[in-house]
Amino acid sequence: MIPTEFDEITTEWMTAAVAQNADDGQVSDMRWERIAEGVGLLGRLARFHLRWSADDGQKMPASVIVKLPSQIQEMVDQALMFGFYDREINFYRNIGDSAAVRVPHAYHVDAGEAVVPFVIVMEDLHSARVVDQLEGCELADSLRVARAAARLHAPYWGKQPQLDALTWLPAVNGPLYAAAGPLLAEMGPVFLAGWADTLPDGSIDLATRTANSLNELQNRAAADPLTLCHYDLRLDNLLFDDAADDVCVIDFQLMGTQRGPYDLAYFAGWSLTEDQRRAQTSQILDTYVSELAELGVTADRQWVDDSFRESMLGVVSMAVLSGATAVVENERGEQLIAALVQRAFAAAFDVDAAEFLP
């Protein structure tokens, strides 16, 4: 049984999902509450507090996180169209615990033949610090993110055969993303009708040119050294472990092949305030290049800078698409989309991303 609502989950189901063997005991009682409402746009999260009937010495989790699809049909349809749910399911099934970057352990992953319904039961990193994406973060946290991005990217950097083996992972210029070009052009007028008055001068031209050039930009990106990218690297998908001076990455629905600096452009372009981004970007990129070198990957610093700047056009594309089509559950969801739109365009102008438009 794949639950479609949190209250459908029974103690028996949870025992089967989390316990490895009979000696681990059974879940005798549990309670749950929704968490991160308005944070994720495509899924729902709940924390389940578990009481176990027995424990043979192994520490069974006192709580786990359960993830289900969004309740908003428009967002589910969008996720299915672009394969978002399928990617996260495959990540936890095929990479998960072997990833070089820290990710939650998945106790149980199940999905229907049509992907939805699905359920993921994962480790609860309850002691980690959550940073409000709307407020941005200090430099120390941004540098942790830069190092984590390097650890995610390094094992697959320029290794096309290994990337090709991940058949569930879409290519940056493959059919799935190529279809976003016409969609973005179609959504442009809808986006501008709702957002033009809130954007800097020149934004209409930038949005239009980016939409019309998206496929060419994708083809150009595909010619560079590619790697496994998160594609949604933002503060709402990061948990900070101060004791370990580390960060845990969550939410792998948007993963794909791309140039590594795309993840950093996405992070800086959405998760940082304008002042933070302007003050931190150089050190973020320096730290990223240094960490890659420690992991055996040589990345030219100027290439990283140019790729970061050009990738900001991809962040603008995401802002246009999300601003035109996203359906949110609450006020915070609306604030997240507004932050993406406003910060993305400001960042693109700051780094002169339009230089890379045809």
Protein backbone atom coordinates (compact mmCIF):
# COMPACT_ATOMS: atom_id res chain seq x y z
CA MET A 1 0.00 0.00 0.00
CA ILE A 2 1.26 3.45 -0.95
CA PRO A 3 -0.35 6.06 1.29
CA THR A 4 -1.80 9.12 -0.37
CA GLU A 5 -2.43 10.99 2.90
CA PHE A 6 -0.40 11.09 6.08
CA ASP A 7 -3.29 9.86 8.21
CA GLU A 8 -3.45 6.67 6.14
CA ILE A 9 -0.09 5.55 7.56
CA THR A 10 -0.50 2.97 10.31
CA THR A 11 1.95 1.70 12.92
CA GLU A 12 2.12 -1.60 11.02
CA TRP A 13 2.97 0.16 7.77
CA MET A 14 5.61 2.30 9.47
CA THR A 15 7.20 -0.75 11.09
CA ALA A 16 7.52 -2.46 7.72
CA ALA A 17 8.97 0.73 6.19
CA VAL A 18 11.61 1.46 8.83
CA ALA A 19 12.50 -1.76 10.67
CA GLN A 20 15.22 -3.86 9.05
CA ASN A 21 14.36 -7.10 10.84
CA ALA A 22 12.10 -8.49 13.53
CA ASP A 23 14.65 -7.80 16.28
CA ASP A 24 14.23 -4.08 15.71
CA GLY A 25 10.80 -4.24 17.31
CA GLN A 26 7.59 -2.66 16.16
CA VAL A 27 6.20 0.83 16.11
CA SER A 28 3.70 0.69 18.96
CA ASP A 29 2.52 4.29 18.77
CA MET A 30 3.15 7.40 16.70
CA ARG A 31 1.98 10.91 16.01
CA TRP A 32 2.71 13.27 13.16
CA GLU A 33 2.64 16.92 12.18
CA ARG A 34 3.09 18.75 8.90
CA ILE A 35 6.41 20.53 8.49
CA ALA A 36 7.93 22.95 5.98
CA GLU A 37 4.56 24.11 4.71
CA GLY A 38 5.07 26.64 1.95
CA VAL A 39 8.71 25.56 1.55
CA GLY A 40 8.40 22.85 -1.08
CA LEU A 41 6.24 23.59 -4.11
CA LEU A 42 5.91 20.03 -5.42
CA GLY A 43 5.58 17.88 -2.31
CA ARG A 44 4.32 17.62 1.27
CA LEU A 45 6.39 16.73 4.32
CA ALA A 46 5.43 15.43 7.75
CA ARG A 47 7.46 14.44 10.78
CA PHE A 48 6.37 11.17 12.40
CA HIS A 49 7.32 10.67 16.07
CA LEU A 50 7.73 6.96 16.71
CA ARG A 51 7.51 4.85 19.86
CA TRP A 52 9.02 1.37 19.56
CA SER A 53 7.88 -1.74 21.44
CA ALA A 54 11.38 -3.17 21.65
CA ASP A 55 14.96 -2.27 20.94
CA ASP A 56 17.70 -4.89 20.81
CA GLY A 57 20.46 -2.33 21.30
CA GLN A 58 20.23 -0.77 17.89
CA LYS A 59 19.06 2.79 18.04
CA MET A 60 15.79 2.90 16.17
CA PRO A 61 14.79 6.34 14.95
CA ALA A 62 12.60 8.33 17.30
CA SER A 63 11.28 10.23 14.31
CA VAL A 64 11.30 10.09 10.51
CA ILE A 65 10.26 12.39 7.69
CA VAL A 66 7.61 11.23 5.22
CA LYS A 67 7.28 12.84 1.82
CA LEU A 68 4.18 12.66 -0.40
CA PRO A 69 3.25 14.47 -3.64
CA SER A 70 1.64 17.88 -3.59
CA GLN A 71 -2.10 18.10 -3.07
CA ILE A 72 -2.32 20.72 -5.80
CA GLN A 73 -3.14 18.92 -9.04
CA GLU A 74 -1.57 21.60 -11.23
CA MET A 75 1.77 21.12 -9.47
CA VAL A 76 1.49 17.33 -9.69
CA ASP A 77 0.79 17.60 -13.43
CA GLN A 78 3.83 19.84 -13.86
CA ALA A 79 6.01 17.45 -11.84
CA LEU A 80 4.89 14.49 -13.94
CA MET A 81 5.39 16.37 -17.21
CA PHE A 82 8.99 17.18 -16.32
CA GLY A 83 9.76 13.94 -14.48
CA PHE A 84 10.49 15.67 -11.16
CA TYR A 85 9.11 12.93 -8.91
CA ASP A 86 10.75 10.18 -10.93
CA ARG A 87 14.16 11.79 -10.49
CA GLU A 88 13.99 11.95 -6.72
CA ILE A 89 12.74 8.39 -6.46
CA ASN A 90 15.60 7.20 -8.66
CA PHE A 91 18.15 9.28 -6.77
CA TYR A 92 17.32 7.62 -3.47
CA ARG A 93 17.12 4.18 -5.07
CA ASN A 94 20.34 4.43 -7.11
CA ILE A 95 22.64 6.99 -5.50
CA GLY A 96 21.36 8.10 -2.09
CA ASP A 97 23.70 6.76 0.59
CA SER A 98 26.63 6.52 -1.85
CA ALA A 99 26.56 10.24 -2.70
CA ALA A 100 29.73 12.15 -1.84
CA VAL A 101 27.63 14.92 -0.31
CA ARG A 102 25.63 14.34 2.84
CA VAL A 103 21.98 13.40 2.20
CA PRO A 104 19.27 11.90 4.42
CA HIS A 105 19.16 8.12 4.55
CA ALA A 106 16.01 6.79 2.86
CA TYR A 107 14.41 3.97 4.84
CA HIS A 108 11.67 3.30 2.31
CA VAL A 109 10.91 4.43 -1.25
CA ASP A 110 7.86 3.29 -3.18
CA ALA A 111 5.96 4.56 -6.19
CA GLY A 112 3.08 3.49 -8.38
CA GLU A 113 3.49 2.52 -12.02
CA ALA A 114 2.53 6.07 -13.02
CA VAL A 115 4.94 7.46 -10.37
CA VAL A 116 2.09 9.05 -8.41
CA PRO A 117 1.25 8.04 -5.77
CA PHE A 118 4.69 7.79 -4.18
CA VAL A 119 6.11 7.85 -0.67
CA ILE A 120 9.61 8.40 0.71
CA VAL A 121 10.42 7.72 4.36
CA MET A 122 13.72 9.31 5.27
CA GLU A 123 16.05 10.17 8.11
CA ASP A 124 14.96 13.07 10.30
CA LEU A 125 17.89 15.44 10.74
CA HIS A 126 16.03 17.24 13.50
CA SER A 127 19.17 18.61 15.14
CA ALA A 128 20.26 20.45 11.99
CA ARG A 129 19.77 24.18 11.68
CA VAL A 130 17.26 25.52 9.18
CA VAL A 131 17.95 28.89 7.54
CA ASP A 132 15.09 31.03 6.27
CA GLN A 133 15.51 31.41 2.54
CA LEU A 134 13.65 34.69 2.55
CA GLU A 135 16.27 36.18 4.88
CA GLY A 136 19.31 34.68 3.15
CA CYS A 137 22.43 33.55 4.98
CA GLU A 138 25.81 34.63 6.26
CA LEU A 139 29.05 33.98 4.40
CA ALA A 140 30.07 30.99 6.55
CA ASP A 141 26.92 29.11 5.55
CA SER A 142 27.31 30.07 1.89
CA LEU A 143 30.83 28.65 1.88
CA ARG A 144 29.53 25.39 3.35
CA VAL A 145 27.09 25.26 0.45
CA ALA A 146 29.93 25.88 -2.03
CA ARG A 147 31.92 22.98 -0.58
CA ALA A 148 28.87 20.71 -0.60
CA ALA A 149 28.20 21.58 -4.25
CA ALA A 150 31.78 20.64 -5.12
CA ARG A 151 31.39 17.29 -3.34
CA LEU A 152 28.19 16.60 -5.26
CA HIS A 153 29.74 17.57 -8.61
CA ALA A 154 33.26 16.15 -8.39
CA PRO A 155 32.53 12.40 -8.77
CA TYR A 156 30.73 12.93 -12.10
CA TRP A 157 32.67 15.92 -13.45
CA GLY A 158 33.23 15.42 -17.18
CA LYS A 159 32.42 11.69 -16.94
CA GLN A 160 29.84 11.37 -19.67
CA PRO A 161 29.62 7.54 -19.66
CA GLN A 162 28.71 7.57 -15.96
CA LEU A 163 26.16 10.31 -16.53
CA ASP A 164 24.68 8.47 -19.51
CA ALA A 165 24.24 5.39 -17.31
CA LEU A 166 21.83 7.40 -15.16
CA THR A 167 19.09 7.07 -17.74
CA TRP A 168 16.55 8.78 -15.48
CA LEU A 169 18.66 11.94 -15.44
CA PRO A 170 17.66 14.44 -18.18
CA ALA A 171 20.36 16.09 -20.29
CA VAL A 172 20.55 19.87 -20.23
CA ASN A 173 19.67 19.97 -23.96
CA GLY A 174 17.65 16.76 -24.09
CA PRO A 175 14.02 16.54 -25.24
CA LEU A 176 12.60 17.21 -21.78
CA TYR A 177 14.31 20.56 -21.30
CA ALA A 178 14.23 21.47 -24.98
CA ALA A 179 10.44 21.49 -24.64
CA ALA A 180 10.79 24.22 -22.02
CA GLY A 181 11.90 26.68 -24.71
CA PRO A 182 8.54 27.00 -26.49
CA LEU A 183 6.74 26.77 -23.13
CA LEU A 184 8.80 29.64 -21.74
CA ALA A 185 8.10 31.78 -24.80
CA GLU A 186 4.38 31.00 -24.45
CA MET A 187 4.36 31.85 -20.74
CA GLY A 188 6.33 35.08 -21.21
CA PRO A 189 3.31 37.36 -21.70
CA VAL A 190 1.51 35.74 -18.74
CA PHE A 191 4.57 36.31 -16.55
CA LEU A 192 5.04 39.90 -17.63
CA ALA A 193 1.38 40.73 -17.06
CA GLY A 194 1.76 39.78 -13.43
CA TRP A 195 5.31 40.86 -12.65
CA ALA A 196 6.53 43.58 -15.01
CA ASP A 197 5.69 46.42 -12.61
CA THR A 198 7.88 44.92 -9.86
CA LEU A 199 11.03 44.34 -11.93
CA PRO A 200 14.05 46.52 -12.78
CA ASP A 201 14.19 48.46 -16.04
CA GLY A 202 15.16 46.21 -18.93
CA SER A 203 13.56 43.09 -17.43
CA ILE A 204 10.95 42.71 -20.16
CA ASP A 205 13.65 42.66 -22.82
CA LEU A 206 15.81 40.26 -20.79
CA ALA A 207 12.91 37.86 -20.16
CA THR A 208 11.88 37.90 -23.82
CA ARG A 209 15.39 37.38 -25.17
CA THR A 210 16.11 34.62 -22.66
CA ALA A 211 12.92 32.77 -23.55
CA ASN A 212 13.62 33.04 -27.27
CA SER A 213 17.23 31.86 -26.82
CA LEU A 214 16.70 29.10 -24.26
CA ASN A 215 17.29 26.17 -26.61
CA GLU A 216 20.49 27.72 -27.96
CA LEU A 217 21.70 28.35 -24.41
CA GLN A 218 20.95 24.73 -23.52
CA ASN A 219 22.93 23.46 -26.50
CA ARG A 220 25.87 25.64 -25.54
CA ALA A 221 25.79 24.42 -21.96
CA ALA A 222 25.82 20.81 -23.16
CA ALA A 223 29.17 21.35 -24.88
CA ASP A 224 30.94 22.15 -21.62
CA PRO A 225 32.19 19.64 -19.00
CA LEU A 226 28.99 18.34 -17.43
CA THR A 227 28.23 16.83 -14.07
CA LEU A 228 25.41 15.71 -11.82
CA CYS A 229 23.66 18.89 -10.64
CA HIS A 230 21.04 19.37 -7.98
CA TYR A 231 19.19 22.06 -9.98
CA ASP A 232 17.31 23.27 -6.88
CA LEU A 233 20.16 24.20 -4.57
CA ARG A 234 18.56 26.76 -2.27
CA LEU A 235 18.34 27.31 1.48
CA ASP A 236 14.98 25.58 1.87
CA ASN A 237 16.67 22.41 0.59
CA LEU A 238 19.68 22.63 2.91
CA LEU A 239 20.13 21.64 6.56
CA PHE A 240 23.15 22.97 8.44
CA ASP A 241 25.06 20.81 10.92
CA ASP A 242 27.16 23.22 12.95
CA ALA A 243 28.85 20.48 15.00
CA ALA A 244 30.20 18.84 11.85
CA ASP A 245 30.69 22.11 9.95
CA ASP A 246 28.68 20.51 7.17
CA VAL A 247 25.44 20.83 5.28
CA CYS A 248 22.93 18.15 4.29
CA VAL A 249 21.24 18.42 0.90
CA ILE A 250 17.61 17.39 0.42
CA ASP A 251 14.96 17.42 -2.32
CA PHE A 252 16.32 15.88 -5.52
CA GLN A 253 13.32 16.32 -7.80
CA LEU A 254 14.96 18.68 -10.28
CA MET A 255 18.28 16.88 -10.78
CA GLY A 256 19.91 16.84 -14.18
CA THR A 257 23.17 17.15 -16.07
CA GLN A 258 24.57 20.67 -16.24
CA ARG A 259 27.69 22.70 -15.74
CA GLY A 260 28.53 22.70 -12.05
CA PRO A 261 28.40 26.49 -11.59
CA TYR A 262 24.69 26.40 -12.45
CA ASP A 263 23.96 25.15 -8.93
CA LEU A 264 25.89 28.05 -7.43
CA ALA A 265 24.10 30.58 -9.65
CA TYR A 266 20.77 29.10 -8.57
CA PHE A 267 21.80 29.28 -4.91
CA ALA A 268 23.13 32.84 -5.08
CA GLY A 269 20.36 34.05 -7.37
CA TRP A 270 17.48 32.88 -5.18
CA SER A 271 18.73 32.24 -1.65
CA LEU A 272 20.78 35.37 -1.03
CA THR A 273 19.60 38.92 -0.65
CA GLU A 274 21.07 41.35 -3.15
CA ASP A 275 23.55 42.71 -0.62
CA GLN A 276 24.61 39.22 0.49
CA ARG A 277 25.07 38.02 -3.06
CA ARG A 278 27.18 41.00 -4.06
CA ALA A 279 29.40 40.65 -1.00
CA GLN A 280 29.76 36.84 -1.08
CA THR A 281 29.88 35.67 -4.70
CA SER A 282 33.63 35.93 -5.25
CA GLN A 283 34.44 33.95 -2.09
CA ILE A 284 31.75 31.36 -2.91
CA LEU A 285 33.32 30.71 -6.32
CA ASP A 286 36.86 30.69 -4.89
CA THR A 287 35.84 28.12 -2.26
CA TYR A 288 34.09 25.99 -4.89
CA VAL A 289 37.18 25.89 -7.12
CA SER A 290 39.43 25.12 -4.15
CA GLU A 291 37.21 22.28 -2.93
CA LEU A 292 37.03 20.79 -6.44
CA ALA A 293 40.84 20.83 -6.56
CA GLU A 294 40.99 18.99 -3.22
CA LEU A 295 38.76 16.36 -4.82
CA GLY A 296 40.95 15.99 -7.91
CA VAL A 297 39.00 18.21 -10.32
CA THR A 298 40.74 21.14 -11.99
CA ALA A 299 38.32 23.93 -12.89
CA ASP A 300 39.60 27.17 -14.40
CA ARG A 301 38.50 30.04 -12.17
CA GLN A 302 37.59 32.29 -15.12
CA TRP A 303 35.53 29.49 -16.70
CA VAL A 304 33.69 29.03 -13.42
CA ASP A 305 32.96 32.74 -13.26
CA ASP A 306 31.72 32.89 -16.86
CA SER A 307 29.60 29.76 -16.39
CA PHE A 308 28.14 31.21 -13.19
CA ARG A 309 27.19 34.41 -14.99
CA GLU A 310 25.69 32.64 -17.99
CA SER A 311 23.83 30.22 -15.71
CA MET A 312 22.01 33.18 -14.19
CA LEU A 313 19.98 33.21 -17.41
CA GLY A 314 18.76 29.76 -16.41
CA VAL A 315 17.70 31.19 -13.05
CA VAL A 316 15.80 33.91 -14.91
CA SER A 317 14.11 31.19 -16.98
CA MET A 318 13.05 29.41 -13.80
CA ALA A 319 11.74 32.71 -12.42
CA VAL A 320 9.65 33.32 -15.53
CA LEU A 321 8.23 29.80 -15.57
CA SER A 322 7.54 29.73 -11.84
CA GLY A 323 6.13 33.24 -11.80
CA ALA A 324 3.71 32.33 -14.58
CA THR A 325 2.66 28.82 -13.59
CA ALA A 326 3.36 28.03 -9.92
CA VAL A 327 0.32 27.39 -7.73
CA VAL A 328 1.19 27.76 -4.04
CA GLU A 329 -0.48 26.60 -0.84
CA ASN A 330 0.02 29.64 1.38
CA GLU A 331 1.50 33.09 1.84
CA ARG A 332 5.05 31.84 2.30
CA GLY A 333 4.88 30.04 -1.02
CA GLU A 334 3.88 33.33 -2.62
CA GLN A 335 6.81 35.05 -0.91
CA LEU A 336 9.22 32.41 -2.21
CA ILE A 337 8.12 32.92 -5.80
CA ALA A 338 8.34 36.70 -5.41
CA ALA A 339 11.87 36.36 -4.02
CA LEU A 340 12.90 34.15 -6.93
CA VAL A 341 11.53 36.57 -9.51
CA GLN A 342 12.95 39.73 -7.99
CA ARG A 343 16.33 38.32 -6.96
CA ALA A 344 16.90 36.44 -10.23
CA PHE A 345 16.48 39.51 -12.40
CA ALA A 346 18.57 41.66 -10.09
CA ALA A 347 21.35 39.05 -10.14
CA ALA A 348 21.24 38.71 -13.92
CA PHE A 349 21.72 42.45 -14.34
CA ASP A 350 24.47 42.59 -11.69
CA VAL A 351 26.58 39.95 -13.45
CA ASP A 352 25.69 41.17 -16.96
CA ALA A 353 24.29 37.77 -17.90
CA ALA A 354 22.80 39.28 -21.06
CA GLU A 355 26.32 39.29 -22.50
CA PHE A 356 25.84 35.57 -23.15
CA LEU A 357 22.57 35.93 -25.07
CA PRO A 358 22.83 35.33 -28.83
